[in-house]
PDB file of N, CA and C in Angstrom:
ATOM      1  N   MET A   1     -44.382 -27.243  31.834  1.00  0.00           N
ATOM      2  CA  MET A   1     -43.830 -27.368  30.511  1.00  0.00           C
ATOM      3  C   MET A   1     -44.787 -26.750  29.503  1.00  0.00           C
ATOM      4  N   GLU A   2     -44.240 -26.063  28.521  1.00  0.00           N
ATOM      5  CA  GLU A   2     -45.063 -25.377  27.519  1.00  0.00           C
ATOM      6  C   GLU A   2     -45.526 -26.350  26.458  1.00  0.00           C
ATOM      7  N   ASP A   3     -46.663 -26.060  25.938  1.00  0.00           N
ATOM      8  CA  ASP A   3     -47.190 -26.867  24.840  1.00  0.00           C
ATOM      9  C   ASP A   3     -46.719 -26.243  23.537  1.00  0.00           C
ATOM     10  N   ARG A   4     -45.927 -26.966  22.775  1.00  0.00           N
ATOM     11  CA  ARG A   4     -45.358 -26.416  21.529  1.00  0.00           C
ATOM     12  C   ARG A   4     -46.398 -26.285  20.435  1.00  0.00           C
ATOM     13  N   ASN A   5     -47.480 -26.962  20.564  1.00  0.00           N
ATOM     14  CA  ASN A   5     -48.517 -26.890  19.540  1.00  0.00           C
ATOM     15  C   ASN A   5     -49.581 -25.854  19.869  1.00  0.00           C
ATOM     16  N   ALA A   6     -49.440 -25.128  20.995  1.00  0.00           N
ATOM     17  CA  ALA A   6     -50.421 -24.111  21.365  1.00  0.00           C
ATOM     18  C   ALA A   6     -50.269 -22.922  20.442  1.00  0.00           C
ATOM     19  N   PRO A   7     -51.337 -22.234  20.127  1.00  0.00           N
ATOM     20  CA  PRO A   7     -51.239 -21.067  19.255  1.00  0.00           C
ATOM     21  C   PRO A   7     -50.426 -19.952  19.915  1.00  0.00           C
ATOM     22  N   ALA A   8     -49.670 -19.214  19.072  1.00  0.00           N
ATOM     23  CA  ALA A   8     -48.820 -18.129  19.559  1.00  0.00           C
ATOM     24  C   ALA A   8     -49.659 -16.880  19.740  1.00  0.00           C
ATOM     25  N   THR A   9     -49.377 -16.161  20.796  1.00  0.00           N
ATOM     26  CA  THR A   9     -50.067 -14.897  21.041  1.00  0.00           C
ATOM     27  C   THR A   9     -49.221 -13.770  20.462  1.00  0.00           C
ATOM     28  N   LYS A  10     -49.814 -12.586  20.412  1.00  0.00           N
ATOM     29  CA  LYS A  10     -49.076 -11.417  19.913  1.00  0.00           C
ATOM     30  C   LYS A  10     -47.891 -11.122  20.820  1.00  0.00           C
ATOM     31  N   GLY A  11     -48.034 -11.373  22.090  1.00  0.00           N
ATOM     32  CA  GLY A  11     -46.928 -11.182  23.035  1.00  0.00           C
ATOM     33  C   GLY A  11     -45.797 -12.147  22.761  1.00  0.00           C
ATOM     34  N   ASP A  12     -46.173 -13.407  22.442  1.00  0.00           N
ATOM     35  CA  ASP A  12     -45.146 -14.391  22.110  1.00  0.00           C
ATOM     36  C   ASP A  12     -44.374 -13.966  20.857  1.00  0.00           C
ATOM     37  N   ILE A  13     -45.109 -13.481  19.883  1.00  0.00           N
ATOM     38  CA  ILE A  13     -44.480 -13.035  18.623  1.00  0.00           C
ATOM     39  C   ILE A  13     -43.601 -11.816  18.878  1.00  0.00           C
ATOM     40  N   ALA A  14     -44.061 -10.894  19.721  1.00  0.00           N
ATOM     41  CA  ALA A  14     -43.259  -9.706  20.054  1.00  0.00           C
ATOM     42  C   ALA A  14     -41.985 -10.116  20.781  1.00  0.00           C
ATOM     43  N   ASP A  15     -42.109 -11.070  21.744  1.00  0.00           N
ATOM     44  CA  ASP A  15     -40.924 -11.568  22.443  1.00  0.00           C
ATOM     45  C   ASP A  15     -39.943 -12.213  21.472  1.00  0.00           C
ATOM     46  N   LEU A  16     -40.482 -13.008  20.555  1.00  0.00           N
ATOM     47  CA  LEU A  16     -39.646 -13.663  19.553  1.00  0.00           C
ATOM     48  C   LEU A  16     -38.955 -12.633  18.665  1.00  0.00           C
ATOM     49  N   ASP A  17     -39.691 -11.589  18.238  1.00  0.00           N
ATOM     50  CA  ASP A  17     -39.095 -10.511  17.429  1.00  0.00           C
ATOM     51  C   ASP A  17     -37.969  -9.827  18.200  1.00  0.00           C
ATOM     52  N   GLN A  18     -38.200  -9.600  19.484  1.00  0.00           N
ATOM     53  CA  GLN A  18     -37.193  -8.931  20.304  1.00  0.00           C
ATOM     54  C   GLN A  18     -35.947  -9.808  20.431  1.00  0.00           C
ATOM     55  N   LYS A  19     -36.133 -11.104  20.660  1.00  0.00           N
ATOM     56  CA  LYS A  19     -34.998 -12.023  20.763  1.00  0.00           C
ATOM     57  C   LYS A  19     -34.238 -12.104  19.445  1.00  0.00           C
ATOM     58  N   ILE A  20     -34.981 -12.142  18.339  1.00  0.00           N
ATOM     59  CA  ILE A  20     -34.334 -12.178  17.013  1.00  0.00           C
ATOM     60  C   ILE A  20     -33.535 -10.901  16.785  1.00  0.00           C
ATOM     61  N   ASP A  21     -34.129  -9.743  17.128  1.00  0.00           N
ATOM     62  CA  ASP A  21     -33.425  -8.468  16.964  1.00  0.00           C
ATOM     63  C   ASP A  21     -32.154  -8.424  17.809  1.00  0.00           C
ATOM     64  N   GLN A  22     -32.228  -8.952  19.036  1.00  0.00           N
ATOM     65  CA  GLN A  22     -31.049  -8.986  19.894  1.00  0.00           C
ATOM     66  C   GLN A  22     -29.969  -9.886  19.295  1.00  0.00           C
ATOM     67  N   LYS A  23     -30.383 -11.051  18.803  1.00  0.00           N
ATOM     68  CA  LYS A  23     -29.418 -11.966  18.176  1.00  0.00           C
ATOM     69  C   LYS A  23     -28.780 -11.321  16.952  1.00  0.00           C
ATOM     70  N   ILE A  24     -29.614 -10.674  16.133  1.00  0.00           N
ATOM     71  CA  ILE A  24     -29.087 -10.005  14.934  1.00  0.00           C
ATOM     72  C   ILE A  24     -28.098  -8.914  15.331  1.00  0.00           C
ATOM     73  N   GLU A  25     -28.432  -8.139  16.360  1.00  0.00           N
ATOM     74  CA  GLU A  25     -27.545  -7.071  16.813  1.00  0.00           C
ATOM     75  C   GLU A  25     -26.229  -7.647  17.347  1.00  0.00           C
ATOM     76  N   MET A  26     -26.289  -8.764  18.073  1.00  0.00           N
ATOM     77  CA  MET A  26     -25.075  -9.423  18.551  1.00  0.00           C
ATOM     78  C   MET A  26     -24.225  -9.916  17.390  1.00  0.00           C
ATOM     79  N   LEU A  27     -24.899 -10.532  16.406  1.00  0.00           N
ATOM     80  CA  LEU A  27     -24.174 -11.025  15.243  1.00  0.00           C
ATOM     81  C   LEU A  27     -23.526  -9.883  14.468  1.00  0.00           C
ATOM     82  N   ARG A  28     -24.254  -8.763  14.323  1.00  0.00           N
ATOM     83  CA  ARG A  28     -23.689  -7.588  13.636  1.00  0.00           C
ATOM     84  C   ARG A  28     -22.485  -7.061  14.392  1.00  0.00           C
ATOM     85  N   SER A  29     -22.608  -6.985  15.697  1.00  0.00           N
ATOM     86  CA  SER A  29     -21.504  -6.494  16.518  1.00  0.00           C
ATOM     87  C   SER A  29     -20.290  -7.403  16.378  1.00  0.00           C
ATOM     88  N   ASP A  30     -20.515  -8.714  16.465  1.00  0.00           N
ATOM     89  CA  ASP A  30     -19.409  -9.670  16.298  1.00  0.00           C
ATOM     90  C   ASP A  30     -18.792  -9.555  14.909  1.00  0.00           C
ATOM     91  N   LEU A  31     -19.655  -9.431  13.897  1.00  0.00           N
ATOM     92  CA  LEU A  31     -19.165  -9.317  12.521  1.00  0.00           C
ATOM     93  C   LEU A  31     -18.371  -8.032  12.331  1.00  0.00           C
ATOM     94  N   ASP A  32     -18.873  -6.916  12.879  1.00  0.00           N
ATOM     95  CA  ASP A  32     -18.139  -5.648  12.780  1.00  0.00           C
ATOM     96  C   ASP A  32     -16.786  -5.739  13.472  1.00  0.00           C
ATOM     97  N   GLN A  33     -16.768  -6.396  14.635  1.00  0.00           N
ATOM     98  CA  GLN A  33     -15.523  -6.545  15.368  1.00  0.00           C
ATOM     99  C   GLN A  33     -14.529  -7.401  14.574  1.00  0.00           C
ATOM    100  N   LYS A  34     -15.010  -8.474  13.993  1.00  0.00           N
ATOM    101  CA  LYS A  34     -14.125  -9.339  13.207  1.00  0.00           C
ATOM    102  C   LYS A  34     -13.645  -8.643  11.937  1.00  0.00           C
ATOM    103  N   ILE A  35     -14.519  -7.863  11.321  1.00  0.00           N
ATOM    104  CA  ILE A  35     -14.115  -7.099  10.126  1.00  0.00           C
ATOM    105  C   ILE A  35     -13.045  -6.079  10.498  1.00  0.00           C
ATOM    106  N   ASP A  36     -13.226  -5.377  11.618  1.00  0.00           N
ATOM    107  CA  ASP A  36     -12.215  -4.402  12.060  1.00  0.00           C
ATOM    108  C   ASP A  36     -10.889  -5.083  12.353  1.00  0.00           C
ATOM    109  N   GLN A  37     -10.950  -6.250  12.991  1.00  0.00           N
ATOM    110  CA  GLN A  37      -9.723  -6.992  13.284  1.00  0.00           C
ATOM    111  C   GLN A  37      -9.041  -7.428  11.993  1.00  0.00           C
ATOM    112  N   LEU A  38      -9.819  -7.922  11.052  1.00  0.00           N
ATOM    113  CA  LEU A  38      -9.259  -8.352   9.768  1.00  0.00           C
ATOM    114  C   LEU A  38      -8.666  -7.164   9.015  1.00  0.00           C
ATOM    115  N   ARG A  39      -9.368  -6.039   9.048  1.00  0.00           N
ATOM    116  CA  ARG A  39      -8.867  -4.829   8.377  1.00  0.00           C
ATOM    117  C   ARG A  39      -7.541  -4.402   8.993  1.00  0.00           C
ATOM    118  N   SER A  40      -7.451  -4.476  10.320  1.00  0.00           N
ATOM    119  CA  SER A  40      -6.217  -4.112  11.011  1.00  0.00           C
ATOM    120  C   SER A  40      -5.076  -5.051  10.613  1.00  0.00           C
ATOM    121  N   GLU A  41      -5.367  -6.342  10.550  1.00  0.00           N
ATOM    122  CA  GLU A  41      -4.333  -7.308  10.164  1.00  0.00           C
ATOM    123  C   GLU A  41      -3.886  -7.107   8.725  1.00  0.00           C
ATOM    124  N   VAL A  42      -4.832  -6.819   7.842  1.00  0.00           N
ATOM    125  CA  VAL A  42      -4.488  -6.591   6.430  1.00  0.00           C
ATOM    126  C   VAL A  42      -3.640  -5.329   6.300  1.00  0.00           C
ATOM    127  N   ASN A  43      -4.008  -4.262   7.033  1.00  0.00           N
ATOM    128  CA  ASN A  43      -3.215  -3.025   6.973  1.00  0.00           C
ATOM    129  C   ASN A  43      -1.809  -3.247   7.509  1.00  0.00           C
ATOM    130  N   HIS A  44      -1.705  -4.022   8.584  1.00  0.00           N
ATOM    131  CA  HIS A  44      -0.382  -4.325   9.129  1.00  0.00           C
ATOM    132  C   HIS A  44       0.445  -5.099   8.102  1.00  0.00           C
ATOM    133  N   GLY A  45      -0.171  -6.095   7.468  1.00  0.00           N
ATOM    134  CA  GLY A  45       0.531  -6.864   6.445  1.00  0.00           C
ATOM    135  C   GLY A  45       0.949  -5.991   5.273  1.00  0.00           C
ATOM    136  N   TYR A  46       0.075  -5.059   4.889  1.00  0.00           N
ATOM    137  CA  TYR A  46       0.381  -4.153   3.780  1.00  0.00           C
ATOM    138  C   TYR A  46       1.576  -3.259   4.135  1.00  0.00           C
ATOM    139  N   ARG A  47       1.558  -2.702   5.352  1.00  0.00           N
ATOM    140  CA  ARG A  47       2.678  -1.843   5.760  1.00  0.00           C
ATOM    141  C   ARG A  47       3.987  -2.627   5.819  1.00  0.00           C
ATOM    142  N   ASP A  48       3.910  -3.853   6.327  1.00  0.00           N
ATOM    143  CA  ASP A  48       5.103  -4.697   6.401  1.00  0.00           C
ATOM    144  C   ASP A  48       5.637  -5.009   5.003  1.00  0.00           C
ATOM    145  N   LEU A  49       4.733  -5.374   4.101  1.00  0.00           N
ATOM    146  CA  LEU A  49       5.139  -5.667   2.724  1.00  0.00           C
ATOM    147  C   LEU A  49       5.722  -4.425   2.054  1.00  0.00           C
ATOM    148  N   SER A  50       5.092  -3.286   2.297  1.00  0.00           N
ATOM    149  CA  SER A  50       5.574  -2.034   1.709  1.00  0.00           C
ATOM    150  C   SER A  50       6.988  -1.712   2.195  1.00  0.00           C
ATOM    151  N   GLU A  51       7.231  -1.896   3.488  1.00  0.00           N
ATOM    152  CA  GLU A  51       8.580  -1.653   4.021  1.00  0.00           C
ATOM    153  C   GLU A  51       9.598  -2.597   3.403  1.00  0.00           C
ATOM    154  N   ARG A  52       9.228  -3.868   3.281  1.00  0.00           N
ATOM    155  CA  ARG A  52      10.152  -4.842   2.688  1.00  0.00           C
ATOM    156  C   ARG A  52      10.442  -4.509   1.230  1.00  0.00           C
ATOM    157  N   LEU A  53       9.424  -4.092   0.497  1.00  0.00           N
ATOM    158  CA  LEU A  53       9.647  -3.716  -0.905  1.00  0.00           C
ATOM    159  C   LEU A  53      10.556  -2.502  -0.996  1.00  0.00           C
ATOM    160  N   ASP A  54      10.325  -1.510  -0.118  1.00  0.00           N
ATOM    161  CA  ASP A  54      11.182  -0.323  -0.128  1.00  0.00           C
ATOM    162  C   ASP A  54      12.640  -0.694   0.167  1.00  0.00           C
ATOM    163  N   GLU A  55      12.840  -1.587   1.149  1.00  0.00           N
ATOM    164  CA  GLU A  55      14.202  -2.024   1.467  1.00  0.00           C
ATOM    165  C   GLU A  55      14.829  -2.765   0.291  1.00  0.00           C
ATOM    166  N   GLY A  56      14.046  -3.620  -0.358  1.00  0.00           N
ATOM    167  CA  GLY A  56      14.561  -4.363  -1.512  1.00  0.00           C
ATOM    168  C   GLY A  56      14.925  -3.439  -2.658  1.00  0.00           C
ATOM    169  N   ILE A  57      14.065  -2.471  -2.917  1.00  0.00           N
ATOM    170  CA  ILE A  57      14.335  -1.512  -3.994  1.00  0.00           C
ATOM    171  C   ILE A  57      15.592  -0.713  -3.674  1.00  0.00           C
ATOM    172  N   THR A  58      15.736  -0.300  -2.425  1.00  0.00           N
ATOM    173  CA  THR A  58      16.928   0.454  -2.022  1.00  0.00           C
ATOM    174  C   THR A  58      18.190  -0.378  -2.225  1.00  0.00           C
ATOM    175  N   LYS A  59      18.130  -1.645  -1.833  1.00  0.00           N
ATOM    176  CA  LYS A  59      19.298  -2.520  -2.011  1.00  0.00           C
ATOM    177  C   LYS A  59      19.625  -2.706  -3.491  1.00  0.00           C
ATOM    178  N   LEU A  60      18.594  -2.901  -4.316  1.00  0.00           N
ATOM    179  CA  LEU A  60      18.834  -3.069  -5.753  1.00  0.00           C
ATOM    180  C   LEU A  60      19.442  -1.807  -6.366  1.00  0.00           C
ATOM    181  N   LEU A  61      18.879  -0.656  -6.023  1.00  0.00           N
ATOM    182  CA  LEU A  61      19.415   0.588  -6.572  1.00  0.00           C
ATOM    183  C   LEU A  61      20.856   0.822  -6.132  1.00  0.00           C
ATOM    184  N   THR A  62      21.163   0.492  -4.890  1.00  0.00           N
ATOM    185  CA  THR A  62      22.536   0.633  -4.404  1.00  0.00           C
ATOM    186  C   THR A  62      23.473  -0.284  -5.188  1.00  0.00           C
ATOM    187  N   ALA A  63      23.032  -1.517  -5.415  1.00  0.00           N
ATOM    188  CA  ALA A  63      23.864  -2.461  -6.175  1.00  0.00           C
ATOM    189  C   ALA A  63      24.058  -1.980  -7.611  1.00  0.00           C
ATOM    190  N   PHE A  64      22.976  -1.528  -8.267  1.00  0.00           N
ATOM    191  CA  PHE A  64      23.101  -1.039  -9.636  1.00  0.00           C
ATOM    192  C   PHE A  64      24.006   0.183  -9.708  1.00  0.00           C
ATOM    193  N   TYR A  65      23.911   1.060  -8.715  1.00  0.00           N
ATOM    194  CA  TYR A  65      24.755   2.248  -8.712  1.00  0.00           C
ATOM    195  C   TYR A  65      26.220   1.865  -8.609  1.00  0.00           C
ATOM    196  N   SER A  66      26.541   0.912  -7.729  1.00  0.00           N
ATOM    197  CA  SER A  66      27.948   0.526  -7.586  1.00  0.00           C
ATOM    198  C   SER A  66      28.457  -0.148  -8.858  1.00  0.00           C
ATOM    199  N   VAL A  67      27.619  -0.952  -9.511  1.00  0.00           N
ATOM    200  CA  VAL A  67      28.022  -1.584 -10.778  1.00  0.00           C
ATOM    201  C   VAL A  67      28.248  -0.508 -11.844  1.00  0.00           C
ATOM    202  N   ALA A  68      27.336   0.444 -11.929  1.00  0.00           N
ATOM    203  CA  ALA A  68      27.475   1.519 -12.920  1.00  0.00           C
ATOM    204  C   ALA A  68      28.729   2.347 -12.650  1.00  0.00           C
ATOM    205  N   GLU A  69      29.006   2.597 -11.380  1.00  0.00           N
ATOM    206  CA  GLU A  69      30.204   3.358 -11.029  1.00  0.00           C
ATOM    207  C   GLU A  69      31.467   2.607 -11.449  1.00  0.00           C
ATOM    208  N   THR A  70      31.489   1.299 -11.214  1.00  0.00           N
ATOM    209  CA  THR A  70      32.641   0.477 -11.599  1.00  0.00           C
ATOM    210  C   THR A  70      32.834   0.486 -13.108  1.00  0.00           C
ATOM    211  N   HIS A  71      31.734   0.316 -13.824  1.00  0.00           N
ATOM    212  CA  HIS A  71      31.837   0.333 -15.291  1.00  0.00           C
ATOM    213  C   HIS A  71      32.272   1.700 -15.803  1.00  0.00           C
ATOM    214  N   GLY A  72      31.822   2.750 -15.159  1.00  0.00           N
ATOM    215  CA  GLY A  72      32.251   4.095 -15.545  1.00  0.00           C
ATOM    216  C   GLY A  72      33.758   4.270 -15.398  1.00  0.00           C
ATOM    217  N   ARG A  73      34.281   3.768 -14.296  1.00  0.00           N
ATOM    218  CA  ARG A  73      35.739   3.849 -14.093  1.00  0.00           C
ATOM    219  C   ARG A  73      36.487   3.046 -15.151  1.00  0.00           C
ATOM    220  N   ARG A  74      35.973   1.855 -15.447  1.00  0.00           N
ATOM    221  CA  ARG A  74      36.635   1.023 -16.467  1.00  0.00           C
ATOM    222  C   ARG A  74      36.620   1.717 -17.821  1.00  0.00           C
ATOM    223  N   LEU A  75      35.488   2.309 -18.178  1.00  0.00           N
ATOM    224  CA  LEU A  75      35.409   3.010 -19.466  1.00  0.00           C
ATOM    225  C   LEU A  75      36.377   4.187 -19.508  1.00  0.00           C
ATOM    226  N   ALA A  76      36.461   4.915 -18.393  1.00  0.00           N
ATOM    227  CA  ALA A  76      37.386   6.044 -18.345  1.00  0.00           C
ATOM    228  C   ALA A  76      38.826   5.557 -18.510  1.00  0.00           C
ATOM    229  N   GLU A  77      39.149   4.426 -17.878  1.00  0.00           N
ATOM    230  CA  GLU A  77      40.489   3.856 -18.004  1.00  0.00           C
ATOM    231  C   GLU A  77      40.754   3.431 -19.449  1.00  0.00           C
ATOM    232  N   HIS A  78      39.772   2.784 -20.072  1.00  0.00           N
ATOM    233  CA  HIS A  78      39.943   2.371 -21.472  1.00  0.00           C
ATOM    234  C   HIS A  78      40.113   3.591 -22.376  1.00  0.00           C
ATOM    235  N   ASP A  79      39.363   4.645 -22.111  1.00  0.00           N
ATOM    236  CA  ASP A  79      39.498   5.859 -22.917  1.00  0.00           C
ATOM    237  C   ASP A  79      40.888   6.462 -22.780  1.00  0.00           C
ATOM    238  N   SER A  80      41.399   6.496 -21.547  1.00  0.00           N
ATOM    239  CA  SER A  80      42.740   7.074 -21.372  1.00  0.00           C
ATOM    240  C   SER A  80      43.805   6.180 -22.015  1.00  0.00           C
ATOM    241  N   ASN A  81      43.616   4.856 -21.928  1.00  0.00           N
ATOM    242  CA  ASN A  81      44.559   3.944 -22.591  1.00  0.00           C
ATOM    243  C   ASN A  81      44.520   4.138 -24.106  1.00  0.00           C
ATOM    244  N   GLU A  82      43.319   4.287 -24.639  1.00  0.00           N
ATOM    245  CA  GLU A  82      43.201   4.496 -26.090  1.00  0.00           C
ATOM    246  C   GLU A  82      43.875   5.803 -26.501  1.00  0.00           C
ATOM    247  N   ALA A  83      43.689   6.852 -25.701  1.00  0.00           N
ATOM    248  CA  ALA A  83      44.321   8.137 -26.024  1.00  0.00           C
ATOM    249  C   ALA A  83      45.845   8.011 -25.986  1.00  0.00           C
ATOM    250  N   ALA A  84      46.370   7.263 -25.003  1.00  0.00           N
ATOM    251  CA  ALA A  84      47.826   7.079 -24.917  1.00  0.00           C
ATOM    252  C   ALA A  84      48.339   6.300 -26.117  1.00  0.00           C
ATOM    253  N   ILE A  85      47.624   5.263 -26.520  1.00  0.00           N
ATOM    254  CA  ILE A  85      48.036   4.467 -27.687  1.00  0.00           C
ATOM    255  C   ILE A  85      48.011   5.320 -28.947  1.00  0.00           C
ATOM    256  N   ARG A  86      46.955   6.109 -29.101  1.00  0.00           N
ATOM    257  CA  ARG A  86      46.883   6.980 -30.288  1.00  0.00           C
ATOM    258  C   ARG A  86      48.034   7.989 -30.301  1.00  0.00           C
ATOM    259  N   SER A  87      48.360   8.516 -29.137  1.00  0.00           N
ATOM    260  CA  SER A  87      49.469   9.476 -29.045  1.00  0.00           C
ATOM    261  C   SER A  87      50.785   8.817 -29.439  1.00  0.00           C
ATOM    262  N   ARG A  88      51.003   7.611 -28.942  1.00  0.00           N
ATOM    263  CA  ARG A  88      52.235   6.898 -29.278  1.00  0.00           C
ATOM    264  C   ARG A  88      52.271   6.533 -30.759  1.00  0.00           C
ATOM    265  N   LEU A  89      51.124   6.129 -31.306  1.00  0.00           N
ATOM    266  CA  LEU A  89      51.063   5.798 -32.725  1.00  0.00           C
ATOM    267  C   LEU A  89      51.363   7.037 -33.578  1.00  0.00           C
ATOM    268  N   ALA A  90      50.824   8.193 -33.160  1.00  0.00           N
ATOM    269  CA  ALA A  90      51.104   9.429 -33.899  1.00  0.00           C
ATOM    270  C   ALA A  90      52.595   9.755 -33.850  1.00  0.00           C
ATOM    271  N   LEU A  91      53.218   9.523 -32.704  1.00  0.00           N
ATOM    272  CA  LEU A  91      54.660   9.762 -32.576  1.00  0.00           C
ATOM    273  C   LEU A  91      55.448   8.843 -33.499  1.00  0.00           C
ATOM    274  N   VAL A  92      55.068   7.553 -33.565  1.00  0.00           N
ATOM    275  CA  VAL A  92      55.744   6.596 -34.452  1.00  0.00           C
ATOM    276  C   VAL A  92      55.551   7.025 -35.902  1.00  0.00           C
ATOM    277  N   GLU A  93      54.346   7.447 -36.250  1.00  0.00           N
ATOM    278  CA  GLU A  93      54.095   7.887 -37.628  1.00  0.00           C
ATOM    279  C   GLU A  93      54.940   9.107 -37.980  1.00  0.00           C
ATOM    280  N   ASP A  94      55.072  10.042 -37.023  1.00  0.00           N
ATOM    281  CA  ASP A  94      55.904  11.228 -37.271  1.00  0.00           C
ATOM    282  C   ASP A  94      57.362  10.840 -37.504  1.00  0.00           C
ATOM    283  N   ARG A  95      57.868   9.901 -36.682  1.00  0.00           N
ATOM    284  CA  ARG A  95      59.249   9.460 -36.850  1.00  0.00           C
ATOM    285  C   ARG A  95      59.441   8.738 -38.185  1.00  0.00           C
ATOM    286  N   LEU A  96      58.454   7.904 -38.542  1.00  0.00           N
ATOM    287  CA  LEU A  96      58.538   7.211 -39.815  1.00  0.00           C
ATOM    288  C   LEU A  96      58.537   8.207 -40.972  1.00  0.00           C
ATOM    289  N   MET A  97      57.708   9.223 -40.857  1.00  0.00           N
ATOM    290  CA  MET A  97      57.655  10.258 -41.905  1.00  0.00           C
ATOM    291  C   MET A  97      59.006  10.966 -42.024  1.00  0.00           C
ATOM    292  N   ALA A  98      59.649  11.237 -40.865  1.00  0.00           N
ATOM    293  CA  ALA A  98      60.956  11.896 -40.880  1.00  0.00           C
ATOM    294  C   ALA A  98      61.996  10.997 -41.551  1.00  0.00           C
ATOM    295  N   VAL A  99      61.942   9.695 -41.266  1.00  0.00           N
ATOM    296  CA  VAL A  99      62.872   8.750 -41.896  1.00  0.00           C
ATOM    297  C   VAL A  99      62.632   8.723 -43.402  1.00  0.00           C
ATOM    298  N   GLU A 100      61.348   8.671 -43.813  1.00  0.00           N
ATOM    299  CA  GLU A 100      61.042   8.641 -45.244  1.00  0.00           C
ATOM    300  C   GLU A 100      61.533   9.908 -45.942  1.00  0.00           C
ATOM    301  N   LYS A 101      61.394  11.064 -45.274  1.00  0.00           N
ATOM    302  CA  LYS A 101      61.877  12.322 -45.870  1.00  0.00           C
ATOM    303  C   LYS A 101      63.394  12.294 -46.047  1.00  0.00           C
ATOM    304  N   GLN A 102      64.096  11.754 -45.070  1.00  0.00           N
ATOM    305  CA  GLN A 102      65.560  11.661 -45.170  1.00  0.00           C
ATOM    306  C   GLN A 102      65.957  10.724 -46.302  1.00  0.00           C
ATOM    307  N   LEU A 103      65.208   9.632 -46.472  1.00  0.00           N
ATOM    308  CA  LEU A 103      65.514   8.688 -47.531  1.00  0.00           C
ATOM    309  C   LEU A 103      65.301   9.332 -48.891  1.00  0.00           C
ATOM    310  N   LEU A 104      64.288  10.155 -49.013  1.00  0.00           N
ATOM    311  CA  LEU A 104      64.029  10.829 -50.286  1.00  0.00           C
ATOM    312  C   LEU A 104      65.114  11.846 -50.639  1.00  0.00           C
ATOM    313  N   ARG A 105      65.756  12.439 -49.626  1.00  0.00           N
ATOM    314  CA  ARG A 105      66.797  13.427 -49.867  1.00  0.00           C
ATOM    315  C   ARG A 105      68.131  12.780 -50.208  1.00  0.00           C
ATOM    316  N   MET A 106      68.290  11.510 -49.918  1.00  0.00           N
ATOM    317  CA  MET A 106      69.557  10.837 -50.156  1.00  0.00           C
ATOM    318  C   MET A 106      69.730  10.595 -51.659  1.00  0.00           C
ATOM    319  N   PRO A 107      70.970  10.757 -52.116  1.00  0.00           N
ATOM    320  CA  PRO A 107      71.193  10.461 -53.519  1.00  0.00           C
ATOM    321  C   PRO A 107      71.137   8.950 -53.749  1.00  0.00           C
ATOM    322  N   PRO A 108      70.700   8.543 -54.900  1.00  0.00           N
ATOM    323  CA  PRO A 108      70.638   7.112 -55.163  1.00  0.00           C
ATOM    324  C   PRO A 108      72.030   6.481 -55.137  1.00  0.00           C
ATOM    325  N   ALA A 109      72.115   5.300 -54.646  1.00  0.00           N
ATOM    326  CA  ALA A 109      73.397   4.608 -54.562  1.00  0.00           C
ATOM    327  C   ALA A 109      73.750   4.054 -55.930  1.00  0.00           C
ATOM    328  N   ALA A 110      75.040   4.171 -56.300  1.00  0.00           N
ATOM    329  CA  ALA A 110      75.476   3.748 -57.616  1.00  0.00           C
ATOM    330  C   ALA A 110      75.912   2.343 -57.678  1.00  0.00           C
TER     331      ALA A 110
END
């Protein structure tokens, strides 16, 4: 059994330095491996999130496009209805004007 209170020799210190260096190198290797694994997981999560966002944006744009298309059709229908009403109103006004002209040409009743 070794005496723990015995003075350390230069060889003991060199052995201890070597063991410490080996432990540090193992810890660095483990840390690098864990960092690489974490980086890989984060990149995978980022790609997954990016795909989901792209799909969501595509769905939203498709929905907005269909709503805009529907509203465009409704506006076109309202415009054509308004044009038809104006045309009919102009026709009624023309007929009324013709009636008024005939009334003006009539002799007054006695």
